[in-house]
Amino acid sequence: MSHADDYVLGRSLPHSTRLDAQHLLWIMHLGYVLHPDIPIREDMKIADIGCGTAIWLLDISRSLPRSAQLHGYDISDSLFPSRSLWPENVSLDLLNSMDDPPESLVGQYDVVHLRMWCSNFRIDTKNVNVLIRSVKKMLKPGGYMQWEEADLRRQVVQPEAAREHERELQTVFEESGIDHGCIQTLSASLQREQFAIIREDRNVFQDFTSQLGTKTYLLALKEILEGVKRRWEGDETGQRLAMRGQQSLTKLTSAYSNGLVYNWGPVSILAQLES
């Protein structure tokens, strides 16, 4: 089951594998799952917003006190693992995080975690500020927001010849209404909603992670362009737009065996809601 949505990425087995591989990418890059500056205590409550396969929750469940309550929310349960695989202190449920949370979730959490929402934002009303205001209501005063994001406007692309295809893909995303630009001002958006930025890192993947970054990014781009095509089904202009993107992606993919590096810029932010 799921709520109606316009999620552009996929929700089948290959797509869940890509999500789990991106979790590995983040752990290799950051060196942690739960930010080390977040205090650990008994009975703490943590929510993962847009949890997908719940891989982040399953990972942190191994290192937190058994009394910790770990809740995952997503607009679709298509990627949830089988209920028989859930640890005792993990629960997964449906939630449209672009809407106000139900009263039962308001002010409940010590930590909320978000990761890689960038392709869900639209240039119109479905924007990052709507999500921040919604998720903010779920936090206790003084609660923490841990957010890992992909900055698709700040990329590492090699060789130089591949930049032509990068520019074409950026144009396709902009013309299809996807708002990747909001990630560059994410910390300012959080500060406007009474969050204090404790730490913000904007850097690049190192040699040992750049290959995994390239592979998972190419897979994600394929999913996004298929989603754009679905979104514009029956619209000739939209179909041509998706085709342009797919042609550029084909050329990028063919360059992988020749040493292509195609990485988005990793962004990690730890913020605390004012008490």
Protein backbone atom coordinates (compact mmCIF):
# COMPACT_ATOMS: atom_id res chain seq x y z
CA MET A 1 0.00 0.00 0.00
CA SER A 2 1.04 3.61 -0.42
CA HIS A 3 -0.19 7.17 -0.58
CA ALA A 4 -0.47 8.76 -4.03
CA ASP A 5 2.83 10.37 -4.96
CA ASP A 6 5.08 11.41 -7.84
CA TYR A 7 8.25 9.71 -6.62
CA VAL A 8 10.57 9.56 -9.63
CA LEU A 9 12.87 6.78 -8.44
CA GLY A 10 12.05 3.07 -8.53
CA ARG A 11 10.64 0.69 -5.92
CA SER A 12 11.56 -2.78 -7.17
CA LEU A 13 14.34 -5.19 -6.15
CA PRO A 14 17.11 -3.55 -8.23
CA HIS A 15 16.14 -0.16 -6.86
CA SER A 16 16.24 -1.39 -3.25
CA THR A 17 19.70 -2.82 -3.92
CA ARG A 18 20.84 0.57 -5.17
CA LEU A 19 19.51 2.22 -1.99
CA ASP A 20 21.35 -0.26 0.21
CA ALA A 21 24.55 0.30 -1.79
CA GLN A 22 24.16 4.06 -1.26
CA HIS A 23 23.89 3.42 2.48
CA LEU A 24 27.27 1.68 2.28
CA LEU A 25 28.59 4.66 0.31
CA TRP A 26 27.51 7.08 3.03
CA ILE A 27 28.98 4.96 5.83
CA MET A 28 32.30 4.67 4.00
CA HIS A 29 32.29 8.42 3.42
CA LEU A 30 31.16 9.61 6.86
CA GLY A 31 32.56 6.91 9.11
CA TYR A 32 29.37 6.73 11.20
CA VAL A 33 25.67 5.86 11.00
CA LEU A 34 24.28 8.00 13.82
CA HIS A 35 26.24 11.24 14.20
CA PRO A 36 28.70 10.91 17.12
CA ASP A 37 27.67 14.32 18.52
CA ILE A 38 24.15 13.04 19.22
CA PRO A 39 23.94 11.90 22.87
CA ILE A 40 22.85 8.29 23.36
CA ARG A 41 20.44 7.51 26.18
CA GLU A 42 17.98 4.84 27.24
CA ASP A 43 14.48 5.02 25.74
CA MET A 44 15.46 7.57 23.09
CA LYS A 45 13.10 7.82 20.11
CA ILE A 46 14.46 8.12 16.57
CA ALA A 47 12.53 8.55 13.32
CA ASP A 48 13.86 7.95 9.81
CA ILE A 49 11.83 10.02 7.34
CA GLY A 50 11.59 8.54 3.84
CA CYS A 51 13.15 5.35 5.18
CA GLY A 52 12.92 3.28 1.96
CA THR A 53 14.41 -0.14 2.73
CA ALA A 54 14.91 0.87 6.40
CA ILE A 55 18.61 0.04 6.04
CA TRP A 56 19.67 3.03 8.17
CA LEU A 57 17.40 2.01 11.06
CA LEU A 58 18.42 -1.64 10.82
CA ASP A 59 22.06 -0.56 10.98
CA ILE A 60 21.76 1.73 14.01
CA SER A 61 19.59 -0.82 15.85
CA ARG A 62 22.72 -2.95 16.31
CA SER A 63 24.55 -0.31 18.35
CA LEU A 64 21.85 1.47 20.38
CA PRO A 65 20.31 0.39 23.69
CA ARG A 66 17.52 -2.13 23.19
CA SER A 67 15.18 0.34 24.88
CA ALA A 68 15.62 2.82 21.99
CA GLN A 69 12.50 3.14 19.84
CA LEU A 70 13.26 3.30 16.12
CA HIS A 71 10.47 4.28 13.75
CA GLY A 72 10.66 4.45 9.96
CA TYR A 73 8.20 6.37 7.80
CA ASP A 74 7.71 6.41 4.05
CA ILE A 75 4.98 7.32 1.61
CA SER A 76 5.11 3.73 0.29
CA ASP A 77 5.80 0.40 1.99
CA SER A 78 6.98 -1.22 -1.26
CA LEU A 79 10.62 -1.23 -0.13
CA PHE A 80 10.04 -2.23 3.50
CA PRO A 81 11.75 -5.47 4.53
CA SER A 82 9.56 -8.38 5.58
CA ARG A 83 8.03 -7.79 9.01
CA SER A 84 9.72 -10.98 10.23
CA LEU A 85 13.09 -9.21 9.77
CA TRP A 86 12.26 -6.19 11.92
CA PRO A 87 14.13 -6.01 15.24
CA GLU A 88 11.85 -5.76 18.27
CA ASN A 89 12.46 -2.04 18.68
CA VAL A 90 11.95 -1.14 14.99
CA SER A 91 8.58 -0.27 13.44
CA LEU A 92 7.79 0.92 9.91
CA ASP A 93 4.69 2.79 8.81
CA LEU A 94 3.20 4.90 6.03
CA LEU A 95 3.45 8.67 6.23
CA ASN A 96 3.37 11.50 3.71
CA SER A 97 6.04 13.74 5.18
CA MET A 98 5.02 16.65 2.97
CA ASP A 99 1.83 16.90 5.05
CA ASP A 100 1.55 17.90 8.69
CA PRO A 101 2.20 14.86 10.91
CA PRO A 102 -0.71 13.39 12.87
CA GLU A 103 -1.08 14.67 16.42
CA SER A 104 0.22 11.35 17.78
CA LEU A 105 3.66 12.09 16.25
CA VAL A 106 4.00 15.75 17.24
CA GLY A 107 6.89 16.42 19.64
CA GLN A 108 7.75 12.74 20.00
CA TYR A 109 11.32 12.33 18.73
CA ASP A 110 14.81 12.99 20.05
CA VAL A 111 16.28 12.55 16.56
CA VAL A 112 14.91 12.63 13.03
CA HIS A 113 17.02 11.41 10.13
CA LEU A 114 16.64 12.32 6.45
CA ARG A 115 18.72 11.23 3.50
CA MET A 116 18.77 12.06 -0.21
CA TRP A 117 15.45 13.80 -0.68
CA CYS A 118 16.78 16.05 -3.45
CA SER A 119 14.91 14.51 -6.39
CA ASN A 120 11.61 14.68 -4.47
CA PHE A 121 11.61 18.48 -4.38
CA ARG A 122 9.75 20.45 -7.02
CA ILE A 123 10.17 24.03 -8.09
CA ASP A 124 6.52 24.75 -7.17
CA THR A 125 4.86 23.99 -3.80
CA LYS A 126 6.50 20.63 -3.02
CA ASN A 127 9.69 22.20 -1.74
CA VAL A 128 12.28 21.71 0.97
CA ASN A 129 10.67 24.24 3.32
CA VAL A 130 7.43 22.25 3.40
CA LEU A 131 9.36 19.14 4.44
CA ILE A 132 11.39 20.95 7.11
CA ARG A 133 8.30 22.49 8.70
CA SER A 134 6.53 19.12 8.74
CA VAL A 135 9.43 17.15 10.20
CA LYS A 136 10.21 19.90 12.72
CA LYS A 137 6.85 19.25 14.37
CA MET A 138 7.88 15.66 15.11
CA LEU A 139 10.91 16.71 17.18
CA LYS A 140 11.04 17.36 20.89
CA PRO A 141 12.43 20.80 21.87
CA GLY A 142 16.21 20.48 21.62
CA GLY A 143 15.89 17.46 19.34
CA TYR A 144 18.37 16.72 16.56
CA MET A 145 17.99 16.56 12.80
CA GLN A 146 20.63 14.49 10.98
CA TRP A 147 20.47 15.03 7.22
CA GLU A 148 22.63 13.58 4.45
CA GLU A 149 22.01 14.97 1.00
CA ALA A 150 23.23 14.90 -2.59
CA ASP A 151 24.17 18.24 -4.14
CA LEU A 152 23.63 17.70 -7.87
CA ARG A 153 24.74 21.26 -8.62
CA ARG A 154 28.23 20.60 -7.22
CA GLN A 155 29.62 17.56 -8.96
CA VAL A 156 32.96 15.93 -9.73
CA VAL A 157 32.99 14.94 -13.40
CA GLN A 158 35.95 13.38 -15.23
CA PRO A 159 36.99 13.38 -18.01
CA GLU A 160 36.16 16.93 -19.07
CA ALA A 161 34.33 15.67 -22.16
CA ALA A 162 31.62 14.21 -19.90
CA ARG A 163 30.59 17.67 -18.70
CA GLU A 164 28.55 18.22 -21.85
CA HIS A 165 26.30 15.33 -20.81
CA GLU A 166 26.20 16.58 -17.21
CA ARG A 167 24.92 19.97 -18.42
CA GLU A 168 22.28 18.32 -20.58
CA LEU A 169 21.02 16.22 -17.66
CA GLN A 170 20.84 19.31 -15.43
CA THR A 171 18.76 21.05 -18.10
CA VAL A 172 16.42 18.06 -18.35
CA PHE A 173 15.87 18.01 -14.58
CA GLU A 174 15.20 21.75 -14.42
CA GLU A 175 12.74 21.63 -17.32
CA SER A 176 10.93 18.70 -15.70
CA GLY A 177 10.42 20.75 -12.52
CA ILE A 178 12.85 18.95 -10.18
CA ASP A 179 14.47 21.40 -7.74
CA HIS A 180 18.06 20.38 -7.03
CA GLY A 181 19.16 23.93 -6.27
CA CYS A 182 17.57 24.03 -2.81
CA ILE A 183 20.28 21.73 -1.42
CA GLN A 184 22.85 24.50 -1.77
CA THR A 185 20.95 26.63 0.76
CA LEU A 186 19.74 23.80 3.00
CA SER A 187 21.42 25.06 6.18
CA ALA A 188 19.87 28.52 5.71
CA SER A 189 16.46 26.90 5.27
CA LEU A 190 16.94 25.02 8.55
CA GLN A 191 18.06 28.15 10.38
CA ARG A 192 14.90 29.96 9.29
CA GLU A 193 12.93 27.24 11.09
CA GLN A 194 14.75 27.72 14.42
CA PHE A 195 17.43 25.06 13.92
CA ALA A 196 20.99 25.71 15.05
CA ILE A 197 23.59 24.19 12.73
CA ILE A 198 26.00 22.13 14.86
CA ARG A 199 28.05 20.80 11.97
CA GLU A 200 27.87 21.02 8.19
CA ASP A 201 30.22 19.24 5.79
CA ARG A 202 30.27 19.76 2.04
CA ASN A 203 33.11 17.84 0.44
CA VAL A 204 33.79 15.19 -2.20
CA PHE A 205 34.11 11.44 -2.30
CA GLN A 206 37.66 10.17 -1.99
CA ASP A 207 39.29 7.68 -4.35
CA PHE A 208 38.06 4.63 -2.44
CA THR A 209 34.42 5.80 -2.53
CA SER A 210 34.26 7.64 -5.86
CA GLN A 211 33.77 4.45 -7.90
CA LEU A 212 30.82 3.31 -5.77
CA GLY A 213 29.50 6.87 -5.97
CA THR A 214 29.67 6.79 -9.76
CA LYS A 215 28.02 3.38 -10.11
CA THR A 216 25.12 4.13 -7.78
CA TYR A 217 24.62 7.58 -9.31
CA LEU A 218 24.34 6.18 -12.83
CA LEU A 219 21.76 3.68 -11.58
CA ALA A 220 19.81 6.43 -9.81
CA LEU A 221 19.86 8.65 -12.91
CA LYS A 222 18.35 5.82 -14.93
CA GLU A 223 15.54 5.56 -12.38
CA ILE A 224 14.95 9.32 -12.29
CA LEU A 225 14.69 9.56 -16.07
CA GLU A 226 12.28 6.62 -16.16
CA GLY A 227 10.25 8.48 -13.53
CA VAL A 228 10.27 11.66 -15.62
CA LYS A 229 9.03 9.62 -18.56
CA ARG A 230 6.19 8.15 -16.45
CA ARG A 231 5.27 11.57 -15.11
CA TRP A 232 4.93 12.98 -18.63
CA GLU A 233 3.14 9.96 -20.11
CA GLY A 234 1.00 11.09 -23.03
CA ASP A 235 2.80 14.43 -23.27
CA GLU A 236 4.97 14.61 -26.38
CA THR A 237 7.16 17.43 -25.05
CA GLY A 238 7.76 15.61 -21.78
CA GLN A 239 8.62 12.38 -23.58
CA ARG A 240 11.18 14.19 -25.74
CA LEU A 241 12.64 15.71 -22.59
CA ALA A 242 13.08 12.29 -20.99
CA MET A 243 14.60 10.94 -24.21
CA ARG A 244 17.21 13.72 -24.24
CA GLY A 245 18.22 12.78 -20.73
CA GLN A 246 18.37 9.07 -21.54
CA GLN A 247 20.61 9.73 -24.53
CA SER A 248 23.05 11.69 -22.36
CA LEU A 249 22.97 8.97 -19.70
CA THR A 250 23.72 6.30 -22.31
CA LYS A 251 26.83 8.21 -23.36
CA LEU A 252 27.93 8.62 -19.75
CA THR A 253 27.40 4.94 -18.99
CA SER A 254 29.43 3.91 -22.03
CA ALA A 255 32.35 5.94 -20.64
CA TYR A 256 32.37 4.09 -17.30
CA SER A 257 34.87 1.43 -18.39
CA ASN A 258 37.23 4.22 -19.52
CA GLY A 259 37.57 5.71 -16.04
CA LEU A 260 34.46 7.90 -15.76
CA VAL A 261 34.09 9.69 -12.43
CA TYR A 262 30.58 11.08 -11.99
CA ASN A 263 29.84 12.03 -8.38
CA TRP A 264 27.34 14.34 -6.77
CA GLY A 265 28.60 16.44 -3.86
CA PRO A 266 27.91 14.83 -0.46
CA VAL A 267 26.34 17.17 2.11
CA SER A 268 25.92 16.23 5.77
CA ILE A 269 24.23 18.48 8.32
CA LEU A 270 23.60 18.02 12.03
CA ALA A 271 21.14 20.58 13.37
CA GLN A 272 19.39 21.05 16.71
CA LEU A 273 15.93 22.49 17.23
CA GLU A 274 15.92 25.41 19.64
CA SER A 275 14.45 24.56 23.04
